[in-house]
Amino acid sequence: MRLALIPARGGSKRIPRKNILPFAGRPMIGWAIKAARESGLFDAIVVSTDDEEIASVARQLGARIPFMRPPALADDHAATLPVVAHAIRACAERGLPADEVCCIYPGVPLLRGEDLCDGHDLLVPGHYAFPVLAFGSPIQRALRRTPEGATTPFHPEHTHTRTQDLEPAYHDAGQFYWAHAQTWLAGLPVHQHARTLVLPATRAVDIDTPADWLRAEVLFRAQMVDTAEALA
């Protein structure tokens, strides 16, 4: 069985109730569910949550809630790996044994079904597959700033290196992670055992603050305009 797992706890602090706040006409978590459905990859779409309201909204949007997440895995310190491992075991106990599992974060309004398909194409045993974004500026030119506003380079040896001669660097897009169930259960570190696909900078926003939310809305509207013009 191929399982989409969306971890959506109820205790978001920086944007309260973030996972079910309306975004472009549907609850935020609805965009993750929509992308999973449009990919055509999954036998079941499951939401792992400790929150009854989130569970209710997810059910209305077509996801399954075969279990409620225990409080010990729903606090501010809960990490993705143990949450997914718990969900895999809980699903198996309820007749949903998974072979391949894609953990899709709930705040991904820019995610497309095709991105999930591209990630799945990279999946090999013992490895994860996930999207990354290129840093907008060379990390070798990063600056350290003092409280007084003075700056010093983190890597002074690259102060005069041409930008085009510096190695590109990437960061996790924070959208989804594919892996075989046994890889999740083994608890292998994601970034040390992975294959990645590079997304355009306009296709992912890590929504942690109100400013992030506004940026995601701007990018979402821009993509809708581009899509409408392409179909015209």
C-alpha atoms as a PDB file:
ATOM      1  CA  MET A   1       0.000   0.000   0.000  1.00  0.00           C
ATOM      2  CA  ARG A   2       1.148   3.507  -0.846  1.00  0.00           C
ATOM      3  CA  LEU A   3       0.226   5.956   1.905  1.00  0.00           C
ATOM      4  CA  ALA A   4       0.094   9.749   2.044  1.00  0.00           C
ATOM      5  CA  LEU A   5       0.536  10.875   5.641  1.00  0.00           C
ATOM      6  CA  ILE A   6      -0.203  14.473   6.630  1.00  0.00           C
ATOM      7  CA  PRO A   7       0.968  15.367  10.172  1.00  0.00           C
ATOM      8  CA  ALA A   8      -1.196  18.230  11.453  1.00  0.00           C
ATOM      9  CA  ARG A   9      -1.115  18.962  15.146  1.00  0.00           C
ATOM     10  CA  GLY A  10      -3.425  21.495  16.711  1.00  0.00           C
ATOM     11  CA  GLY A  11      -0.933  23.562  18.713  1.00  0.00           C
ATOM     12  CA  SER A  12       0.605  25.894  16.133  1.00  0.00           C
ATOM     13  CA  LYS A  13       1.971  28.897  18.068  1.00  0.00           C
ATOM     14  CA  ARG A  14       3.184  31.501  15.569  1.00  0.00           C
ATOM     15  CA  ILE A  15       0.045  31.247  13.413  1.00  0.00           C
ATOM     16  CA  PRO A  16      -2.690  29.811  15.670  1.00  0.00           C
ATOM     17  CA  ARG A  17      -4.870  27.167  13.985  1.00  0.00           C
ATOM     18  CA  LYS A  18      -2.663  27.479  10.895  1.00  0.00           C
ATOM     19  CA  ASN A  19      -3.521  24.050   9.525  1.00  0.00           C
ATOM     20  CA  ILE A  20      -7.205  24.830   9.060  1.00  0.00           C
ATOM     21  CA  LEU A  21      -7.204  28.585   8.468  1.00  0.00           C
ATOM     22  CA  PRO A  22      -8.709  29.480   5.066  1.00  0.00           C
ATOM     23  CA  PHE A  23      -6.196  29.949   2.263  1.00  0.00           C
ATOM     24  CA  ALA A  24      -7.465  30.805  -1.231  1.00  0.00           C
ATOM     25  CA  GLY A  25     -10.897  29.403  -0.570  1.00  0.00           C
ATOM     26  CA  ARG A  26     -10.162  26.219   1.351  1.00  0.00           C
ATOM     27  CA  PRO A  27      -8.650  25.190   4.701  1.00  0.00           C
ATOM     28  CA  MET A  28      -4.871  25.200   4.486  1.00  0.00           C
ATOM     29  CA  ILE A  29      -4.619  21.434   5.000  1.00  0.00           C
ATOM     30  CA  GLY A  30      -6.934  21.017   2.032  1.00  0.00           C
ATOM     31  CA  TRP A  31      -4.157  21.933  -0.390  1.00  0.00           C
ATOM     32  CA  ALA A  32      -2.005  19.035   0.816  1.00  0.00           C
ATOM     33  CA  ILE A  33      -4.960  16.671   0.476  1.00  0.00           C
ATOM     34  CA  LYS A  34      -5.728  18.055  -2.993  1.00  0.00           C
ATOM     35  CA  ALA A  35      -2.146  17.571  -4.219  1.00  0.00           C
ATOM     36  CA  ALA A  36      -2.079  14.005  -2.861  1.00  0.00           C
ATOM     37  CA  ARG A  37      -5.339  13.173  -4.646  1.00  0.00           C
ATOM     38  CA  GLU A  38      -4.263  14.795  -7.914  1.00  0.00           C
ATOM     39  CA  SER A  39      -1.016  12.809  -7.964  1.00  0.00           C
ATOM     40  CA  GLY A  40      -2.996   9.578  -8.365  1.00  0.00           C
ATOM     41  CA  LEU A  41      -0.323   7.763  -6.364  1.00  0.00           C
ATOM     42  CA  PHE A  42      -1.972   6.900  -3.083  1.00  0.00           C
ATOM     43  CA  ASP A  43      -4.175   4.096  -1.826  1.00  0.00           C
ATOM     44  CA  ALA A  44      -5.041   6.157   1.259  1.00  0.00           C
ATOM     45  CA  ILE A  45      -4.559   9.721   2.484  1.00  0.00           C
ATOM     46  CA  VAL A  46      -4.239   9.781   6.277  1.00  0.00           C
ATOM     47  CA  VAL A  47      -4.016  12.751   8.631  1.00  0.00           C
ATOM     48  CA  SER A  48      -2.175  12.316  11.933  1.00  0.00           C
ATOM     49  CA  THR A  49      -3.569  14.830  14.414  1.00  0.00           C
ATOM     50  CA  ASP A  50      -4.289  15.308  18.085  1.00  0.00           C
ATOM     51  CA  ASP A  51      -7.019  17.871  17.336  1.00  0.00           C
ATOM     52  CA  GLU A  52     -10.695  16.978  16.861  1.00  0.00           C
ATOM     53  CA  GLU A  53     -11.440  20.062  14.754  1.00  0.00           C
ATOM     54  CA  ILE A  54      -8.579  19.332  12.381  1.00  0.00           C
ATOM     55  CA  ALA A  55      -9.746  15.714  12.191  1.00  0.00           C
ATOM     56  CA  SER A  56     -13.272  16.831  11.305  1.00  0.00           C
ATOM     57  CA  VAL A  57     -12.081  19.230   8.594  1.00  0.00           C
ATOM     58  CA  ALA A  58      -9.752  16.592   7.128  1.00  0.00           C
ATOM     59  CA  ARG A  59     -12.563  14.037   6.957  1.00  0.00           C
ATOM     60  CA  GLN A  60     -14.782  16.533   5.136  1.00  0.00           C
ATOM     61  CA  LEU A  61     -11.986  17.012   2.605  1.00  0.00           C
ATOM     62  CA  GLY A  62     -11.677  13.292   1.937  1.00  0.00           C
ATOM     63  CA  ALA A  63      -8.801  12.244   4.201  1.00  0.00           C
ATOM     64  CA  ARG A  64      -8.923   9.368   6.667  1.00  0.00           C
ATOM     65  CA  ILE A  65      -8.381   9.626  10.436  1.00  0.00           C
ATOM     66  CA  PRO A  66      -7.859   6.024  11.564  1.00  0.00           C
ATOM     67  CA  PHE A  67      -6.317   7.095  14.884  1.00  0.00           C
ATOM     68  CA  MET A  68      -5.711  10.186  17.013  1.00  0.00           C
ATOM     69  CA  ARG A  69      -2.111  11.153  17.687  1.00  0.00           C
ATOM     70  CA  PRO A  70      -1.053  10.825  21.356  1.00  0.00           C
ATOM     71  CA  PRO A  71      -0.190  14.056  23.222  1.00  0.00           C
ATOM     72  CA  ALA A  72       3.436  12.974  23.674  1.00  0.00           C
ATOM     73  CA  LEU A  73       3.885  13.250  19.897  1.00  0.00           C
ATOM     74  CA  ALA A  74       1.976  16.513  19.517  1.00  0.00           C
ATOM     75  CA  ASP A  75       3.917  19.054  21.558  1.00  0.00           C
ATOM     76  CA  ASP A  76       6.304  21.741  20.317  1.00  0.00           C
ATOM     77  CA  HIS A  77       9.238  19.308  20.396  1.00  0.00           C
ATOM     78  CA  ALA A  78       7.682  16.466  18.405  1.00  0.00           C
ATOM     79  CA  ALA A  79       9.910  15.587  15.443  1.00  0.00           C
ATOM     80  CA  THR A  80       8.751  14.281  12.091  1.00  0.00           C
ATOM     81  CA  LEU A  81      10.468  10.878  12.219  1.00  0.00           C
ATOM     82  CA  PRO A  82       8.763   9.536  15.365  1.00  0.00           C
ATOM     83  CA  VAL A  83       5.416  11.001  14.284  1.00  0.00           C
ATOM     84  CA  VAL A  84       5.591   9.180  10.952  1.00  0.00           C
ATOM     85  CA  ALA A  85       6.817   5.965  12.547  1.00  0.00           C
ATOM     86  CA  HIS A  86       3.921   6.046  15.006  1.00  0.00           C
ATOM     87  CA  ALA A  87       1.468   6.624  12.155  1.00  0.00           C
ATOM     88  CA  ILE A  88       2.853   3.721  10.122  1.00  0.00           C
ATOM     89  CA  ARG A  89       2.438   1.344  13.064  1.00  0.00           C
ATOM     90  CA  ALA A  90      -1.011   2.712  13.964  1.00  0.00           C
ATOM     91  CA  CYS A  91      -2.213   2.363  10.372  1.00  0.00           C
ATOM     92  CA  ALA A  92      -0.883  -1.195  10.129  1.00  0.00           C
ATOM     93  CA  GLU A  93      -2.770  -2.137  13.299  1.00  0.00           C
ATOM     94  CA  ARG A  94      -5.956  -0.817  11.669  1.00  0.00           C
ATOM     95  CA  GLY A  95      -5.678  -2.646   8.379  1.00  0.00           C
ATOM     96  CA  LEU A  96      -3.633  -0.091   6.428  1.00  0.00           C
ATOM     97  CA  PRO A  97      -0.179  -1.697   6.101  1.00  0.00           C
ATOM     98  CA  ALA A  98       2.066   0.637   4.097  1.00  0.00           C
ATOM     99  CA  ASP A  99       5.008  -0.203   1.851  1.00  0.00           C
ATOM    100  CA  GLU A 100       5.738   3.337   0.681  1.00  0.00           C
ATOM    101  CA  VAL A 101       4.913   6.440   2.705  1.00  0.00           C
ATOM    102  CA  CYS A 102       4.983  10.091   1.709  1.00  0.00           C
ATOM    103  CA  CYS A 103       4.893  12.520   4.610  1.00  0.00           C
ATOM    104  CA  ILE A 104       3.271  15.705   3.280  1.00  0.00           C
ATOM    105  CA  TYR A 105       3.289  18.742   5.515  1.00  0.00           C
ATOM    106  CA  PRO A 106      -0.105  20.463   5.878  1.00  0.00           C
ATOM    107  CA  GLY A 107       0.992  24.018   4.996  1.00  0.00           C
ATOM    108  CA  VAL A 108       1.865  23.508   1.327  1.00  0.00           C
ATOM    109  CA  PRO A 109      -0.561  25.498  -0.857  1.00  0.00           C
ATOM    110  CA  LEU A 110       1.973  25.668  -3.711  1.00  0.00           C
ATOM    111  CA  LEU A 111       2.509  21.901  -3.855  1.00  0.00           C
ATOM    112  CA  ARG A 112       1.478  20.135  -7.060  1.00  0.00           C
ATOM    113  CA  GLY A 113       0.589  16.527  -7.649  1.00  0.00           C
ATOM    114  CA  GLU A 114       3.315  16.328 -10.270  1.00  0.00           C
ATOM    115  CA  ASP A 115       5.916  17.258  -7.631  1.00  0.00           C
ATOM    116  CA  LEU A 116       4.868  14.237  -5.582  1.00  0.00           C
ATOM    117  CA  CYS A 117       5.198  12.069  -8.697  1.00  0.00           C
ATOM    118  CA  ASP A 118       8.671  13.446  -9.440  1.00  0.00           C
ATOM    119  CA  GLY A 119       9.704  12.744  -5.852  1.00  0.00           C
ATOM    120  CA  HIS A 120       8.369   9.199  -6.037  1.00  0.00           C
ATOM    121  CA  ASP A 121      10.442   8.593  -9.178  1.00  0.00           C
ATOM    122  CA  LEU A 122      13.579   9.171  -7.071  1.00  0.00           C
ATOM    123  CA  LEU A 123      12.631   6.681  -4.364  1.00  0.00           C
ATOM    124  CA  VAL A 124      15.089   3.839  -3.678  1.00  0.00           C
ATOM    125  CA  PRO A 125      15.295   1.525  -0.639  1.00  0.00           C
ATOM    126  CA  GLY A 126      17.102   2.994   2.350  1.00  0.00           C
ATOM    127  CA  HIS A 127      16.783   6.571   1.123  1.00  0.00           C
ATOM    128  CA  TYR A 128      14.316   9.416   1.345  1.00  0.00           C
ATOM    129  CA  ALA A 129      13.306  11.635  -1.563  1.00  0.00           C
ATOM    130  CA  PHE A 130      12.321  15.262  -1.075  1.00  0.00           C
ATOM    131  CA  PRO A 131      12.383  18.679  -2.799  1.00  0.00           C
ATOM    132  CA  VAL A 132      14.973  21.387  -2.218  1.00  0.00           C
ATOM    133  CA  LEU A 133      15.336  25.058  -3.114  1.00  0.00           C
ATOM    134  CA  ALA A 134      18.526  26.838  -4.103  1.00  0.00           C
ATOM    135  CA  PHE A 135      19.709  29.588  -1.773  1.00  0.00           C
ATOM    136  CA  GLY A 136      19.123  32.975  -3.380  1.00  0.00           C
ATOM    137  CA  SER A 137      22.680  34.139  -2.611  1.00  0.00           C
ATOM    138  CA  PRO A 138      25.921  32.171  -2.229  1.00  0.00           C
ATOM    139  CA  ILE A 139      26.197  30.859   1.318  1.00  0.00           C
ATOM    140  CA  GLN A 140      29.975  31.302   1.079  1.00  0.00           C
ATOM    141  CA  ARG A 141      29.332  35.066   1.103  1.00  0.00           C
ATOM    142  CA  ALA A 142      27.204  34.992   4.263  1.00  0.00           C
ATOM    143  CA  LEU A 143      27.849  37.736   6.806  1.00  0.00           C
ATOM    144  CA  ARG A 144      27.972  37.640  10.586  1.00  0.00           C
ATOM    145  CA  ARG A 145      26.374  40.718  12.199  1.00  0.00           C
ATOM    146  CA  THR A 146      27.174  42.136  15.632  1.00  0.00           C
ATOM    147  CA  PRO A 147      24.599  43.845  17.915  1.00  0.00           C
ATOM    148  CA  GLU A 148      26.135  47.177  16.865  1.00  0.00           C
ATOM    149  CA  GLY A 149      25.511  46.435  13.196  1.00  0.00           C
ATOM    150  CA  ALA A 150      29.073  45.656  12.121  1.00  0.00           C
ATOM    151  CA  THR A 151      29.634  42.716   9.778  1.00  0.00           C
ATOM    152  CA  THR A 152      32.310  40.119   9.197  1.00  0.00           C
ATOM    153  CA  PRO A 153      32.238  37.294   6.632  1.00  0.00           C
ATOM    154  CA  PHE A 154      31.631  33.737   7.751  1.00  0.00           C
ATOM    155  CA  HIS A 155      34.060  32.614   5.031  1.00  0.00           C
ATOM    156  CA  PRO A 156      36.622  35.387   4.499  1.00  0.00           C
ATOM    157  CA  GLU A 157      38.540  33.166   2.081  1.00  0.00           C
ATOM    158  CA  HIS A 158      35.718  33.719  -0.433  1.00  0.00           C
ATOM    159  CA  THR A 159      35.475  37.509  -0.090  1.00  0.00           C
ATOM    160  CA  HIS A 160      36.936  38.012  -3.563  1.00  0.00           C
ATOM    161  CA  THR A 161      35.769  34.774  -5.193  1.00  0.00           C
ATOM    162  CA  ARG A 162      33.511  35.357  -8.179  1.00  0.00           C
ATOM    163  CA  THR A 163      29.901  34.376  -7.521  1.00  0.00           C
ATOM    164  CA  GLN A 164      29.820  32.098 -10.561  1.00  0.00           C
ATOM    165  CA  ASP A 165      32.799  30.171  -9.182  1.00  0.00           C
ATOM    166  CA  LEU A 166      31.088  29.313  -5.885  1.00  0.00           C
ATOM    167  CA  GLU A 167      29.344  25.980  -5.435  1.00  0.00           C
ATOM    168  CA  PRO A 168      25.525  26.277  -5.340  1.00  0.00           C
ATOM    169  CA  ALA A 169      23.856  25.404  -2.038  1.00  0.00           C
ATOM    170  CA  TYR A 170      20.346  24.155  -1.323  1.00  0.00           C
ATOM    171  CA  HIS A 171      17.916  23.910   1.567  1.00  0.00           C
ATOM    172  CA  ASP A 172      14.991  21.649   2.325  1.00  0.00           C
ATOM    173  CA  ALA A 173      11.801  23.001   0.738  1.00  0.00           C
ATOM    174  CA  GLY A 174       9.751  21.733   3.704  1.00  0.00           C
ATOM    175  CA  GLN A 175       7.000  20.163   1.609  1.00  0.00           C
ATOM    176  CA  PHE A 176       7.182  16.361   1.564  1.00  0.00           C
ATOM    177  CA  TYR A 177       9.382  13.314   2.131  1.00  0.00           C
ATOM    178  CA  TRP A 178       9.057   9.966   0.390  1.00  0.00           C
ATOM    179  CA  ALA A 179      10.481   6.773   1.863  1.00  0.00           C
ATOM    180  CA  HIS A 180       9.727   3.092   2.201  1.00  0.00           C
ATOM    181  CA  ALA A 181       7.999   2.239   5.455  1.00  0.00           C
ATOM    182  CA  GLN A 182      11.045   0.364   6.729  1.00  0.00           C
ATOM    183  CA  THR A 183      13.234   3.421   6.171  1.00  0.00           C
ATOM    184  CA  TRP A 184      10.901   5.519   8.312  1.00  0.00           C
ATOM    185  CA  LEU A 185      10.734   2.842  10.998  1.00  0.00           C
ATOM    186  CA  ALA A 186      14.530   2.554  11.083  1.00  0.00           C
ATOM    187  CA  GLY A 187      14.723   6.259  11.935  1.00  0.00           C
ATOM    188  CA  LEU A 188      17.432   7.037   9.385  1.00  0.00           C
ATOM    189  CA  PRO A 189      18.317  10.774   9.315  1.00  0.00           C
ATOM    190  CA  VAL A 190      16.532  12.316   6.349  1.00  0.00           C
ATOM    191  CA  HIS A 191      19.180  14.676   5.014  1.00  0.00           C
ATOM    192  CA  GLN A 192      21.988  12.120   5.242  1.00  0.00           C
ATOM    193  CA  HIS A 193      20.124   9.426   3.304  1.00  0.00           C
ATOM    194  CA  ALA A 194      18.276  11.101   0.473  1.00  0.00           C
ATOM    195  CA  ARG A 195      17.836  11.949  -3.156  1.00  0.00           C
ATOM    196  CA  THR A 196      16.406  15.331  -4.029  1.00  0.00           C
ATOM    197  CA  LEU A 197      14.646  17.299  -6.742  1.00  0.00           C
ATOM    198  CA  VAL A 198      15.131  21.031  -7.182  1.00  0.00           C
ATOM    199  CA  LEU A 199      12.025  23.221  -7.248  1.00  0.00           C
ATOM    200  CA  PRO A 200      11.823  26.770  -8.613  1.00  0.00           C
ATOM    201  CA  ALA A 201      12.026  29.412  -5.880  1.00  0.00           C
ATOM    202  CA  THR A 202       8.410  30.420  -6.553  1.00  0.00           C
ATOM    203  CA  ARG A 203       7.010  26.959  -5.823  1.00  0.00           C
ATOM    204  CA  ALA A 204       7.557  26.614  -2.086  1.00  0.00           C
ATOM    205  CA  VAL A 205       7.230  28.763   1.040  1.00  0.00           C
ATOM    206  CA  ASP A 206       7.893  27.545   4.578  1.00  0.00           C
ATOM    207  CA  ILE A 207       4.903  29.187   6.264  1.00  0.00           C
ATOM    208  CA  ASP A 208       5.897  29.942   9.865  1.00  0.00           C
ATOM    209  CA  THR A 209       4.976  33.619  10.242  1.00  0.00           C
ATOM    210  CA  PRO A 210       2.250  35.982   8.992  1.00  0.00           C
ATOM    211  CA  ALA A 211       4.796  37.420   6.541  1.00  0.00           C
ATOM    212  CA  ASP A 212       5.394  33.914   5.139  1.00  0.00           C
ATOM    213  CA  TRP A 213       1.632  33.484   4.758  1.00  0.00           C
ATOM    214  CA  LEU A 214       1.334  36.728   2.778  1.00  0.00           C
ATOM    215  CA  ARG A 215       4.222  35.740   0.526  1.00  0.00           C
ATOM    216  CA  ALA A 216       2.574  32.380  -0.153  1.00  0.00           C
ATOM    217  CA  GLU A 217      -0.663  34.166  -1.092  1.00  0.00           C
ATOM    218  CA  VAL A 218       1.174  36.415  -3.560  1.00  0.00           C
ATOM    219  CA  LEU A 219       2.927  33.464  -5.194  1.00  0.00           C
ATOM    220  CA  PHE A 220      -0.298  31.459  -5.279  1.00  0.00           C
ATOM    221  CA  ARG A 221      -2.184  34.259  -7.043  1.00  0.00           C
ATOM    222  CA  ALA A 222       0.665  34.720  -9.520  1.00  0.00           C
ATOM    223  CA  GLN A 223       0.598  31.034 -10.400  1.00  0.00           C
ATOM    224  CA  MET A 224      -3.156  31.119 -10.879  1.00  0.00           C
ATOM    225  CA  VAL A 225      -2.732  34.014 -13.324  1.00  0.00           C
ATOM    226  CA  ASP A 226       0.007  32.137 -15.201  1.00  0.00           C
ATOM    227  CA  THR A 227      -2.191  29.036 -15.403  1.00  0.00           C
ATOM    228  CA  ALA A 228      -5.187  31.019 -16.668  1.00  0.00           C
ATOM    229  CA  GLU A 229      -3.083  32.735 -19.319  1.00  0.00           C
ATOM    230  CA  ALA A 230      -1.627  29.413 -20.461  1.00  0.00           C
ATOM    231  CA  LEU A 231      -5.125  27.967 -20.891  1.00  0.00           C
ATOM    232  CA  ALA A 232      -6.495  31.040 -22.692  1.00  0.00           C
END
